[in-house]
PDB file of N, CA and C in Angstrom:
ATOM      1  N   MET A   1     -13.806  -6.321 -31.775  1.00  0.00           N
ATOM      2  CA  MET A   1     -14.295  -7.586 -31.267  1.00  0.00           C
ATOM      3  C   MET A   1     -13.101  -8.430 -30.843  1.00  0.00           C
ATOM      4  N   ALA A   2     -13.182  -9.045 -29.696  1.00  0.00           N
ATOM      5  CA  ALA A   2     -12.082  -9.851 -29.177  1.00  0.00           C
ATOM      6  C   ALA A   2     -12.072 -11.239 -29.815  1.00  0.00           C
ATOM      7  N   ARG A   3     -10.891 -11.812 -29.886  1.00  0.00           N
ATOM      8  CA  ARG A   3     -10.747 -13.165 -30.420  1.00  0.00           C
ATOM      9  C   ARG A   3     -11.070 -14.184 -29.332  1.00  0.00           C
ATOM     10  N   ASP A   4     -11.376 -15.398 -29.743  1.00  0.00           N
ATOM     11  CA  ASP A   4     -11.651 -16.510 -28.842  1.00  0.00           C
ATOM     12  C   ASP A   4     -10.665 -17.624 -29.179  1.00  0.00           C
ATOM     13  N   SER A   5      -9.562 -17.676 -28.456  1.00  0.00           N
ATOM     14  CA  SER A   5      -8.504 -18.636 -28.771  1.00  0.00           C
ATOM     15  C   SER A   5      -8.964 -20.081 -28.590  1.00  0.00           C
ATOM     16  N   GLY A   6      -9.878 -20.329 -27.651  1.00  0.00           N
ATOM     17  CA  GLY A   6     -10.397 -21.687 -27.466  1.00  0.00           C
ATOM     18  C   GLY A   6     -11.184 -22.156 -28.675  1.00  0.00           C
ATOM     19  N   LEU A   7     -12.045 -21.292 -29.194  1.00  0.00           N
ATOM     20  CA  LEU A   7     -12.813 -21.625 -30.391  1.00  0.00           C
ATOM     21  C   LEU A   7     -11.882 -21.776 -31.593  1.00  0.00           C
ATOM     22  N   GLU A   8     -10.907 -20.906 -31.696  1.00  0.00           N
ATOM     23  CA  GLU A   8      -9.939 -21.015 -32.798  1.00  0.00           C
ATOM     24  C   GLU A   8      -9.275 -22.388 -32.783  1.00  0.00           C
ATOM     25  N   GLU A   9      -8.882 -22.847 -31.612  1.00  0.00           N
ATOM     26  CA  GLU A   9      -8.219 -24.146 -31.494  1.00  0.00           C
ATOM     27  C   GLU A   9      -9.170 -25.291 -31.846  1.00  0.00           C
ATOM     28  N   LEU A  10     -10.422 -25.212 -31.402  1.00  0.00           N
ATOM     29  CA  LEU A  10     -11.417 -26.230 -31.763  1.00  0.00           C
ATOM     30  C   LEU A  10     -11.559 -26.331 -33.279  1.00  0.00           C
ATOM     31  N   MET A  11     -11.672 -25.195 -33.924  1.00  0.00           N
ATOM     32  CA  MET A  11     -11.843 -25.179 -35.380  1.00  0.00           C
ATOM     33  C   MET A  11     -10.577 -25.675 -36.076  1.00  0.00           C
ATOM     34  N   ARG A  12      -9.431 -25.284 -35.564  1.00  0.00           N
ATOM     35  CA  ARG A  12      -8.148 -25.716 -36.132  1.00  0.00           C
ATOM     36  C   ARG A  12      -8.034 -27.246 -36.062  1.00  0.00           C
ATOM     37  N   GLU A  13      -8.429 -27.816 -34.934  1.00  0.00           N
ATOM     38  CA  GLU A  13      -8.381 -29.271 -34.781  1.00  0.00           C
ATOM     39  C   GLU A  13      -9.336 -29.960 -35.757  1.00  0.00           C
ATOM     40  N   GLU A  14     -10.540 -29.415 -35.918  1.00  0.00           N
ATOM     41  CA  GLU A  14     -11.526 -29.999 -36.839  1.00  0.00           C
ATOM     42  C   GLU A  14     -11.039 -29.931 -38.287  1.00  0.00           C
ATOM     43  N   LEU A  15     -10.446 -28.816 -38.661  1.00  0.00           N
ATOM     44  CA  LEU A  15     -10.041 -28.610 -40.048  1.00  0.00           C
ATOM     45  C   LEU A  15      -8.763 -29.373 -40.400  1.00  0.00           C
ATOM     46  N   GLY A  16      -7.940 -29.649 -39.413  1.00  0.00           N
ATOM     47  CA  GLY A  16      -6.710 -30.397 -39.647  1.00  0.00           C
ATOM     48  C   GLY A  16      -5.704 -29.602 -40.466  1.00  0.00           C
ATOM     49  N   ASP A  17      -4.785 -30.319 -41.069  1.00  0.00           N
ATOM     50  CA  ASP A  17      -3.728 -29.651 -41.839  1.00  0.00           C
ATOM     51  C   ASP A  17      -3.871 -29.954 -43.322  1.00  0.00           C
ATOM     52  N   ARG A  18      -5.069 -29.723 -43.830  1.00  0.00           N
ATOM     53  CA  ARG A  18      -5.346 -29.984 -45.241  1.00  0.00           C
ATOM     54  C   ARG A  18      -4.600 -28.992 -46.135  1.00  0.00           C
ATOM     55  N   PRO A  19      -4.223 -29.413 -47.327  1.00  0.00           N
ATOM     56  CA  PRO A  19      -3.559 -28.511 -48.270  1.00  0.00           C
ATOM     57  C   PRO A  19      -4.449 -27.315 -48.605  1.00  0.00           C
ATOM     58  N   GLY A  20      -3.854 -26.161 -48.723  1.00  0.00           N
ATOM     59  CA  GLY A  20      -4.569 -24.951 -49.105  1.00  0.00           C
ATOM     60  C   GLY A  20      -5.206 -24.213 -47.951  1.00  0.00           C
ATOM     61  N   LEU A  21      -5.095 -24.744 -46.724  1.00  0.00           N
ATOM     62  CA  LEU A  21      -5.691 -24.092 -45.561  1.00  0.00           C
ATOM     63  C   LEU A  21      -4.744 -23.022 -45.026  1.00  0.00           C
ATOM     64  N   ALA A  22      -5.277 -21.844 -44.788  1.00  0.00           N
ATOM     65  CA  ALA A  22      -4.493 -20.739 -44.229  1.00  0.00           C
ATOM     66  C   ALA A  22      -5.353 -20.020 -43.199  1.00  0.00           C
ATOM     67  N   GLU A  23      -4.698 -19.274 -42.333  1.00  0.00           N
ATOM     68  CA  GLU A  23      -5.392 -18.533 -41.287  1.00  0.00           C
ATOM     69  C   GLU A  23      -4.901 -17.099 -41.277  1.00  0.00           C
ATOM     70  N   LYS A  24      -5.816 -16.186 -40.889  1.00  0.00           N
ATOM     71  CA  LYS A  24      -5.395 -14.799 -40.738  1.00  0.00           C
ATOM     72  C   LYS A  24      -6.426 -14.014 -39.936  1.00  0.00           C
ATOM     73  N   SER A  25      -5.993 -12.903 -39.416  1.00  0.00           N
ATOM     74  CA  SER A  25      -6.866 -12.017 -38.666  1.00  0.00           C
ATOM     75  C   SER A  25      -7.804 -11.312 -39.637  1.00  0.00           C
ATOM     76  N   MET A  26      -9.116 -11.348 -39.328  1.00  0.00           N
ATOM     77  CA  MET A  26     -10.096 -10.740 -40.223  1.00  0.00           C
ATOM     78  C   MET A  26     -11.412 -10.561 -39.474  1.00  0.00           C
ATOM     79  N   PHE A  27     -12.140  -9.517 -39.780  1.00  0.00           N
ATOM     80  CA  PHE A  27     -13.468  -9.269 -39.218  1.00  0.00           C
ATOM     81  C   PHE A  27     -13.469  -9.224 -37.691  1.00  0.00           C
ATOM     82  N   GLY A  28     -12.406  -8.769 -37.084  1.00  0.00           N
ATOM     83  CA  GLY A  28     -12.338  -8.699 -35.635  1.00  0.00           C
ATOM     84  C   GLY A  28     -12.167 -10.041 -34.966  1.00  0.00           C
ATOM     85  N   GLY A  29     -11.797 -11.046 -35.732  1.00  0.00           N
ATOM     86  CA  GLY A  29     -11.598 -12.384 -35.195  1.00  0.00           C
ATOM     87  C   GLY A  29     -10.521 -13.091 -35.987  1.00  0.00           C
ATOM     88  N   TRP A  30     -10.644 -14.389 -36.086  1.00  0.00           N
ATOM     89  CA  TRP A  30      -9.670 -15.193 -36.791  1.00  0.00           C
ATOM     90  C   TRP A  30     -10.368 -15.929 -37.918  1.00  0.00           C
ATOM     91  N   ALA A  31      -9.853 -15.809 -39.135  1.00  0.00           N
ATOM     92  CA  ALA A  31     -10.475 -16.408 -40.315  1.00  0.00           C
ATOM     93  C   ALA A  31      -9.653 -17.587 -40.816  1.00  0.00           C
ATOM     94  N   PHE A  32     -10.370 -18.570 -41.345  1.00  0.00           N
ATOM     95  CA  PHE A  32      -9.759 -19.731 -41.968  1.00  0.00           C
ATOM     96  C   PHE A  32     -10.107 -19.669 -43.449  1.00  0.00           C
ATOM     97  N   MET A  33      -9.083 -19.788 -44.287  1.00  0.00           N
ATOM     98  CA  MET A  33      -9.235 -19.707 -45.733  1.00  0.00           C
ATOM     99  C   MET A  33      -8.859 -21.063 -46.325  1.00  0.00           C
ATOM    100  N   LEU A  34      -9.510 -21.423 -47.421  1.00  0.00           N
ATOM    101  CA  LEU A  34      -9.164 -22.640 -48.136  1.00  0.00           C
ATOM    102  C   LEU A  34      -8.969 -22.272 -49.599  1.00  0.00           C
ATOM    103  N   ASN A  35      -7.766 -22.487 -50.082  1.00  0.00           N
ATOM    104  CA  ASN A  35      -7.410 -22.151 -51.467  1.00  0.00           C
ATOM    105  C   ASN A  35      -7.738 -20.693 -51.796  1.00  0.00           C
ATOM    106  N   GLY A  36      -7.569 -19.810 -50.812  1.00  0.00           N
ATOM    107  CA  GLY A  36      -7.789 -18.384 -50.999  1.00  0.00           C
ATOM    108  C   GLY A  36      -9.216 -17.930 -50.786  1.00  0.00           C
ATOM    109  N   ASN A  37     -10.131 -18.846 -50.533  1.00  0.00           N
ATOM    110  CA  ASN A  37     -11.544 -18.518 -50.304  1.00  0.00           C
ATOM    111  C   ASN A  37     -11.850 -18.575 -48.810  1.00  0.00           C
ATOM    112  N   LEU A  38     -12.592 -17.605 -48.331  1.00  0.00           N
ATOM    113  CA  LEU A  38     -12.994 -17.574 -46.936  1.00  0.00           C
ATOM    114  C   LEU A  38     -13.884 -18.767 -46.628  1.00  0.00           C
ATOM    115  N   LEU A  39     -13.562 -19.508 -45.579  1.00  0.00           N
ATOM    116  CA  LEU A  39     -14.254 -20.740 -45.205  1.00  0.00           C
ATOM    117  C   LEU A  39     -15.088 -20.565 -43.937  1.00  0.00           C
ATOM    118  N   CYS A  40     -14.460 -20.066 -42.890  1.00  0.00           N
ATOM    119  CA  CYS A  40     -15.136 -19.926 -41.603  1.00  0.00           C
ATOM    120  C   CYS A  40     -14.308 -18.993 -40.732  1.00  0.00           C
ATOM    121  N   GLY A  41     -14.858 -18.664 -39.580  1.00  0.00           N
ATOM    122  CA  GLY A  41     -14.149 -17.776 -38.689  1.00  0.00           C
ATOM    123  C   GLY A  41     -14.528 -18.004 -37.238  1.00  0.00           C
ATOM    124  N   ALA A  42     -13.692 -17.485 -36.371  1.00  0.00           N
ATOM    125  CA  ALA A  42     -13.918 -17.575 -34.930  1.00  0.00           C
ATOM    126  C   ALA A  42     -13.791 -16.181 -34.343  1.00  0.00           C
ATOM    127  N   ARG A  43     -14.808 -15.778 -33.586  1.00  0.00           N
ATOM    128  CA  ARG A  43     -14.801 -14.493 -32.888  1.00  0.00           C
ATOM    129  C   ARG A  43     -15.341 -14.720 -31.487  1.00  0.00           C
ATOM    130  N   SER A  44     -15.259 -13.707 -30.674  1.00  0.00           N
ATOM    131  CA  SER A  44     -15.759 -13.842 -29.310  1.00  0.00           C
ATOM    132  C   SER A  44     -17.264 -14.069 -29.276  1.00  0.00           C
ATOM    133  N   ASP A  45     -17.985 -13.692 -30.326  1.00  0.00           N
ATOM    134  CA  ASP A  45     -19.441 -13.893 -30.354  1.00  0.00           C
ATOM    135  C   ASP A  45     -19.842 -15.187 -31.057  1.00  0.00           C
ATOM    136  N   GLY A  46     -18.877 -16.030 -31.403  1.00  0.00           N
ATOM    137  CA  GLY A  46     -19.188 -17.335 -31.960  1.00  0.00           C
ATOM    138  C   GLY A  46     -18.429 -17.673 -33.220  1.00  0.00           C
ATOM    139  N   MET A  47     -18.820 -18.805 -33.799  1.00  0.00           N
ATOM    140  CA  MET A  47     -18.170 -19.248 -35.033  1.00  0.00           C
ATOM    141  C   MET A  47     -19.000 -18.803 -36.229  1.00  0.00           C
ATOM    142  N   LEU A  48     -18.303 -18.439 -37.281  1.00  0.00           N
ATOM    143  CA  LEU A  48     -18.923 -18.001 -38.529  1.00  0.00           C
ATOM    144  C   LEU A  48     -18.683 -19.100 -39.557  1.00  0.00           C
ATOM    145  N   ILE A  49     -19.729 -19.463 -40.275  1.00  0.00           N
ATOM    146  CA  ILE A  49     -19.638 -20.579 -41.213  1.00  0.00           C
ATOM    147  C   ILE A  49     -20.176 -20.146 -42.575  1.00  0.00           C
ATOM    148  N   ARG A  50     -19.395 -20.391 -43.613  1.00  0.00           N
ATOM    149  CA  ARG A  50     -19.810 -20.061 -44.977  1.00  0.00           C
ATOM    150  C   ARG A  50     -20.430 -21.281 -45.638  1.00  0.00           C
ATOM    151  N   LEU A  51     -21.707 -21.188 -45.941  1.00  0.00           N
ATOM    152  CA  LEU A  51     -22.422 -22.292 -46.569  1.00  0.00           C
ATOM    153  C   LEU A  51     -22.815 -21.997 -48.012  1.00  0.00           C
ATOM    154  N   GLY A  52     -22.727 -20.741 -48.414  1.00  0.00           N
ATOM    155  CA  GLY A  52     -23.099 -20.345 -49.766  1.00  0.00           C
ATOM    156  C   GLY A  52     -24.551 -19.919 -49.849  1.00  0.00           C
ATOM    157  N   LYS A  53     -24.805 -18.933 -50.696  1.00  0.00           N
ATOM    158  CA  LYS A  53     -26.179 -18.428 -50.867  1.00  0.00           C
ATOM    159  C   LYS A  53     -27.112 -19.561 -51.268  1.00  0.00           C
ATOM    160  N   GLY A  54     -28.243 -19.630 -50.563  1.00  0.00           N
ATOM    161  CA  GLY A  54     -29.231 -20.660 -50.843  1.00  0.00           C
ATOM    162  C   GLY A  54     -28.956 -21.996 -50.181  1.00  0.00           C
ATOM    163  N   ASN A  55     -27.828 -22.117 -49.497  1.00  0.00           N
ATOM    164  CA  ASN A  55     -27.454 -23.379 -48.848  1.00  0.00           C
ATOM    165  C   ASN A  55     -27.554 -23.322 -47.327  1.00  0.00           C
ATOM    166  N   ASP A  56     -28.096 -22.247 -46.787  1.00  0.00           N
ATOM    167  CA  ASP A  56     -28.047 -22.066 -45.338  1.00  0.00           C
ATOM    168  C   ASP A  56     -29.360 -22.342 -44.608  1.00  0.00           C
ATOM    169  N   GLY A  57     -30.437 -22.637 -45.337  1.00  0.00           N
ATOM    170  CA  GLY A  57     -31.745 -22.841 -44.717  1.00  0.00           C
ATOM    171  C   GLY A  57     -31.761 -23.942 -43.680  1.00  0.00           C
ATOM    172  N   TRP A  58     -31.140 -25.073 -43.999  1.00  0.00           N
ATOM    173  CA  TRP A  58     -31.109 -26.202 -43.060  1.00  0.00           C
ATOM    174  C   TRP A  58     -30.401 -25.815 -41.768  1.00  0.00           C
ATOM    175  N   ALA A  59     -29.315 -25.050 -41.885  1.00  0.00           N
ATOM    176  CA  ALA A  59     -28.546 -24.663 -40.700  1.00  0.00           C
ATOM    177  C   ALA A  59     -29.328 -23.664 -39.851  1.00  0.00           C
ATOM    178  N   LEU A  60     -30.026 -22.736 -40.509  1.00  0.00           N
ATOM    179  CA  LEU A  60     -30.800 -21.736 -39.772  1.00  0.00           C
ATOM    180  C   LEU A  60     -31.973 -22.361 -39.015  1.00  0.00           C
ATOM    181  N   ALA A  61     -32.372 -23.565 -39.395  1.00  0.00           N
ATOM    182  CA  ALA A  61     -33.442 -24.271 -38.688  1.00  0.00           C
ATOM    183  C   ALA A  61     -32.942 -24.945 -37.407  1.00  0.00           C
ATOM    184  N   LEU A  62     -31.624 -24.984 -37.204  1.00  0.00           N
ATOM    185  CA  LEU A  62     -31.051 -25.618 -36.014  1.00  0.00           C
ATOM    186  C   LEU A  62     -31.071 -24.652 -34.829  1.00  0.00           C
ATOM    187  N   PRO A  63     -31.327 -25.159 -33.631  1.00  0.00           N
ATOM    188  CA  PRO A  63     -31.315 -24.293 -32.448  1.00  0.00           C
ATOM    189  C   PRO A  63     -29.948 -23.627 -32.260  1.00  0.00           C
ATOM    190  N   GLY A  64     -29.958 -22.323 -32.037  1.00  0.00           N
ATOM    191  CA  GLY A  64     -28.730 -21.586 -31.758  1.00  0.00           C
ATOM    192  C   GLY A  64     -27.989 -21.071 -32.974  1.00  0.00           C
ATOM    193  N   VAL A  65     -28.403 -21.463 -34.161  1.00  0.00           N
ATOM    194  CA  VAL A  65     -27.752 -20.997 -35.395  1.00  0.00           C
ATOM    195  C   VAL A  65     -28.571 -19.835 -35.940  1.00  0.00           C
ATOM    196  N   ILE A  66     -27.897 -18.717 -36.208  1.00  0.00           N
ATOM    197  CA  ILE A  66     -28.572 -17.530 -36.712  1.00  0.00           C
ATOM    198  C   ILE A  66     -27.880 -17.008 -37.968  1.00  0.00           C
ATOM    199  N   GLN A  67     -28.583 -16.150 -38.672  1.00  0.00           N
ATOM    200  CA  GLN A  67     -28.033 -15.515 -39.864  1.00  0.00           C
ATOM    201  C   GLN A  67     -26.905 -14.573 -39.452  1.00  0.00           C
ATOM    202  N   MET A  68     -25.825 -14.583 -40.175  1.00  0.00           N
ATOM    203  CA  MET A  68     -24.740 -13.646 -39.902  1.00  0.00           C
ATOM    204  C   MET A  68     -25.144 -12.267 -40.401  1.00  0.00           C
ATOM    205  N   LEU A  69     -24.816 -11.272 -39.605  1.00  0.00           N
ATOM    206  CA  LEU A  69     -25.065  -9.879 -39.969  1.00  0.00           C
ATOM    207  C   LEU A  69     -23.746  -9.128 -39.992  1.00  0.00           C
ATOM    208  N   SER A  70     -23.641  -8.196 -40.902  1.00  0.00           N
ATOM    209  CA  SER A  70     -22.531  -7.259 -40.937  1.00  0.00           C
ATOM    210  C   SER A  70     -23.159  -5.894 -40.717  1.00  0.00           C
ATOM    211  N   GLY A  71     -23.116  -5.435 -39.474  1.00  0.00           N
ATOM    212  CA  GLY A  71     -23.894  -4.257 -39.104  1.00  0.00           C
ATOM    213  C   GLY A  71     -25.355  -4.659 -39.151  1.00  0.00           C
ATOM    214  N   GLU A  72     -26.114  -4.027 -40.012  1.00  0.00           N
ATOM    215  CA  GLU A  72     -27.526  -4.407 -40.195  1.00  0.00           C
ATOM    216  C   GLU A  72     -27.746  -5.205 -41.475  1.00  0.00           C
ATOM    217  N   ARG A  73     -26.687  -5.425 -42.214  1.00  0.00           N
ATOM    218  CA  ARG A  73     -26.778  -6.126 -43.499  1.00  0.00           C
ATOM    219  C   ARG A  73     -26.751  -7.643 -43.290  1.00  0.00           C
ATOM    220  N   VAL A  74     -27.739  -8.318 -43.837  1.00  0.00           N
ATOM    221  CA  VAL A  74     -27.803  -9.776 -43.778  1.00  0.00           C
ATOM    222  C   VAL A  74     -26.762 -10.351 -44.731  1.00  0.00           C
ATOM    223  N   MET A  75     -25.970 -11.269 -44.241  1.00  0.00           N
ATOM    224  CA  MET A  75     -24.940 -11.927 -45.044  1.00  0.00           C
ATOM    225  C   MET A  75     -25.485 -13.285 -45.479  1.00  0.00           C
ATOM    226  N   HIS A  76     -26.180 -13.298 -46.614  1.00  0.00           N
ATOM    227  CA  HIS A  76     -26.781 -14.532 -47.115  1.00  0.00           C
ATOM    228  C   HIS A  76     -25.692 -15.559 -47.388  1.00  0.00           C
ATOM    229  N   GLY A  77     -25.954 -16.776 -46.986  1.00  0.00           N
ATOM    230  CA  GLY A  77     -24.978 -17.841 -47.193  1.00  0.00           C
ATOM    231  C   GLY A  77     -24.014 -18.018 -46.036  1.00  0.00           C
ATOM    232  N   TRP A  78     -24.137 -17.170 -45.037  1.00  0.00           N
ATOM    233  CA  TRP A  78     -23.291 -17.234 -43.844  1.00  0.00           C
ATOM    234  C   TRP A  78     -24.170 -17.392 -42.609  1.00  0.00           C
ATOM    235  N   VAL A  79     -23.732 -18.231 -41.667  1.00  0.00           N
ATOM    236  CA  VAL A  79     -24.444 -18.386 -40.400  1.00  0.00           C
ATOM    237  C   VAL A  79     -23.460 -18.217 -39.249  1.00  0.00           C
ATOM    238  N   ARG A  80     -24.040 -17.960 -38.079  1.00  0.00           N
ATOM    239  CA  ARG A  80     -23.230 -17.800 -36.862  1.00  0.00           C
ATOM    240  C   ARG A  80     -23.818 -18.672 -35.773  1.00  0.00           C
ATOM    241  N   GLY A  81     -22.948 -19.285 -35.005  1.00  0.00           N
ATOM    242  CA  GLY A  81     -23.379 -20.097 -33.874  1.00  0.00           C
ATOM    243  C   GLY A  81     -22.568 -19.742 -32.648  1.00  0.00           C
ATOM    244  N   GLY A  82     -23.242 -19.561 -31.535  1.00  0.00           N
ATOM    245  CA  GLY A  82     -22.578 -19.254 -30.273  1.00  0.00           C
ATOM    246  C   GLY A  82     -22.059 -20.512 -29.592  1.00  0.00           C
ATOM    247  N   ALA A  83     -21.710 -20.355 -28.336  1.00  0.00           N
ATOM    248  CA  ALA A  83     -21.095 -21.443 -27.574  1.00  0.00           C
ATOM    249  C   ALA A  83     -21.952 -22.701 -27.545  1.00  0.00           C
ATOM    250  N   GLU A  84     -23.283 -22.545 -27.487  1.00  0.00           N
ATOM    251  CA  GLU A  84     -24.153 -23.728 -27.442  1.00  0.00           C
ATOM    252  C   GLU A  84     -24.065 -24.528 -28.737  1.00  0.00           C
ATOM    253  N   VAL A  85     -23.679 -23.895 -29.815  1.00  0.00           N
ATOM    254  CA  VAL A  85     -23.526 -24.576 -31.105  1.00  0.00           C
ATOM    255  C   VAL A  85     -22.123 -25.161 -31.232  1.00  0.00           C
ATOM    256  N   TYR A  86     -21.095 -24.342 -31.042  1.00  0.00           N
ATOM    257  CA  TYR A  86     -19.744 -24.852 -31.285  1.00  0.00           C
ATOM    258  C   TYR A  86     -19.234 -25.787 -30.200  1.00  0.00           C
ATOM    259  N   SER A  87     -19.881 -25.819 -29.040  1.00  0.00           N
ATOM    260  CA  SER A  87     -19.463 -26.773 -28.010  1.00  0.00           C
ATOM    261  C   SER A  87     -20.050 -28.161 -28.251  1.00  0.00           C
ATOM    262  N   ASP A  88     -21.011 -28.268 -29.155  1.00  0.00           N
ATOM    263  CA  ASP A  88     -21.588 -29.557 -29.549  1.00  0.00           C
ATOM    264  C   ASP A  88     -20.707 -30.118 -30.676  1.00  0.00           C
ATOM    265  N   ASP A  89     -19.899 -31.133 -30.352  1.00  0.00           N
ATOM    266  CA  ASP A  89     -18.923 -31.653 -31.308  1.00  0.00           C
ATOM    267  C   ASP A  89     -19.557 -32.080 -32.630  1.00  0.00           C
ATOM    268  N   ALA A  90     -20.675 -32.784 -32.560  1.00  0.00           N
ATOM    269  CA  ALA A  90     -21.321 -33.273 -33.786  1.00  0.00           C
ATOM    270  C   ALA A  90     -21.865 -32.115 -34.627  1.00  0.00           C
ATOM    271  N   LEU A  91     -22.453 -31.126 -33.986  1.00  0.00           N
ATOM    272  CA  LEU A  91     -23.003 -29.980 -34.714  1.00  0.00           C
ATOM    273  C   LEU A  91     -21.896 -29.137 -35.326  1.00  0.00           C
ATOM    274  N   ARG A  92     -20.840 -28.897 -34.554  1.00  0.00           N
ATOM    275  CA  ARG A  92     -19.701 -28.135 -35.082  1.00  0.00           C
ATOM    276  C   ARG A  92     -19.124 -28.840 -36.304  1.00  0.00           C
ATOM    277  N   ARG A  93     -18.966 -30.160 -36.216  1.00  0.00           N
ATOM    278  CA  ARG A  93     -18.418 -30.939 -37.331  1.00  0.00           C
ATOM    279  C   ARG A  93     -19.344 -30.871 -38.546  1.00  0.00           C
ATOM    280  N   ARG A  94     -20.652 -30.980 -38.319  1.00  0.00           N
ATOM    281  CA  ARG A  94     -21.627 -30.934 -39.417  1.00  0.00           C
ATOM    282  C   ARG A  94     -21.557 -29.599 -40.153  1.00  0.00           C
ATOM    283  N   LEU A  95     -21.490 -28.504 -39.398  1.00  0.00           N
ATOM    284  CA  LEU A  95     -21.408 -27.180 -40.009  1.00  0.00           C
ATOM    285  C   LEU A  95     -20.097 -26.993 -40.763  1.00  0.00           C
ATOM    286  N   LEU A  96     -18.998 -27.417 -40.164  1.00  0.00           N
ATOM    287  CA  LEU A  96     -17.705 -27.275 -40.830  1.00  0.00           C
ATOM    288  C   LEU A  96     -17.616 -28.169 -42.072  1.00  0.00           C
ATOM    289  N   ASP A  97     -18.178 -29.372 -42.003  1.00  0.00           N
ATOM    290  CA  ASP A  97     -18.180 -30.245 -43.190  1.00  0.00           C
ATOM    291  C   ASP A  97     -18.962 -29.606 -44.329  1.00  0.00           C
ATOM    292  N   ALA A  98     -20.089 -28.982 -43.995  1.00  0.00           N
ATOM    293  CA  ALA A  98     -20.893 -28.314 -45.026  1.00  0.00           C
ATOM    294  C   ALA A  98     -20.136 -27.126 -45.614  1.00  0.00           C
ATOM    295  N   ALA A  99     -19.438 -26.382 -44.764  1.00  0.00           N
ATOM    296  CA  ALA A  99     -18.641 -25.255 -45.254  1.00  0.00           C
ATOM    297  C   ALA A  99     -17.521 -25.747 -46.164  1.00  0.00           C
ATOM    298  N   LEU A 100     -16.855 -26.817 -45.763  1.00  0.00           N
ATOM    299  CA  LEU A 100     -15.787 -27.382 -46.594  1.00  0.00           C
ATOM    300  C   LEU A 100     -16.325 -27.831 -47.951  1.00  0.00           C
ATOM    301  N   ALA A 101     -17.463 -28.498 -47.943  1.00  0.00           N
ATOM    302  CA  ALA A 101     -18.046 -28.975 -49.201  1.00  0.00           C
ATOM    303  C   ALA A 101     -18.342 -27.801 -50.132  1.00  0.00           C
ATOM    304  N   TYR A 102     -18.872 -26.719 -49.579  1.00  0.00           N
ATOM    305  CA  TYR A 102     -19.179 -25.557 -50.420  1.00  0.00           C
ATOM    306  C   TYR A 102     -17.897 -24.894 -50.930  1.00  0.00           C
ATOM    307  N   VAL A 103     -16.982 -24.594 -50.038  1.00  0.00           N
ATOM    308  CA  VAL A 103     -15.783 -23.843 -50.422  1.00  0.00           C
ATOM    309  C   VAL A 103     -14.877 -24.674 -51.336  1.00  0.00           C
ATOM    310  N   GLU A 104     -14.853 -25.988 -51.168  1.00  0.00           N
ATOM    311  CA  GLU A 104     -14.059 -26.834 -52.064  1.00  0.00           C
ATOM    312  C   GLU A 104     -14.612 -26.812 -53.487  1.00  0.00           C
ATOM    313  N   SER A 105     -15.886 -26.430 -53.638  1.00  0.00           N
ATOM    314  CA  SER A 105     -16.472 -26.354 -54.984  1.00  0.00           C
ATOM    315  C   SER A 105     -16.119 -25.056 -55.709  1.00  0.00           C
ATOM    316  N   LEU A 106     -15.532 -24.112 -55.004  1.00  0.00           N
ATOM    317  CA  LEU A 106     -15.183 -22.819 -55.597  1.00  0.00           C
ATOM    318  C   LEU A 106     -13.819 -22.882 -56.265  1.00  0.00           C
ATOM    319  N   PRO A 107     -13.604 -22.061 -57.295  1.00  0.00           N
ATOM    320  CA  PRO A 107     -12.263 -22.020 -57.893  1.00  0.00           C
ATOM    321  C   PRO A 107     -11.270 -21.401 -56.917  1.00  0.00           C
ATOM    322  N   SER A 108     -10.042 -21.848 -56.976  1.00  0.00           N
ATOM    323  CA  SER A 108      -8.984 -21.287 -56.120  1.00  0.00           C
ATOM    324  C   SER A 108      -8.717 -19.860 -56.517  1.00  0.00           C
ATOM    325  N   LYS A 109      -8.335 -19.059 -55.535  1.00  0.00           N
ATOM    326  CA  LYS A 109      -7.980 -17.655 -55.811  1.00  0.00           C
ATOM    327  C   LYS A 109      -6.475 -17.504 -55.804  1.00  0.00           C
TER     328      LYS A 109
END
């Protein structure tokens, strides 16, 4: 899967330079980690957002947001949004804020 440098930059700008934030190549795209925990990602097929199991229902009700799949396996607690989602500044921010809130609640690795 090809990377999307434009989406990576959008996410980088939203996340800022907070302590504990790191980036690396993962899942055929670019992953953002917070305190060693996977937070979100950018790939050519859209942005990946970690909301935590049981916390993704509200996001899945939004237009353009779908359940993340790994092959045919449903990745509960993860959602994916294409260009129509991540190009909406308010929606992108809302999803990233929710991901930050969840991942900040996890113990550091």
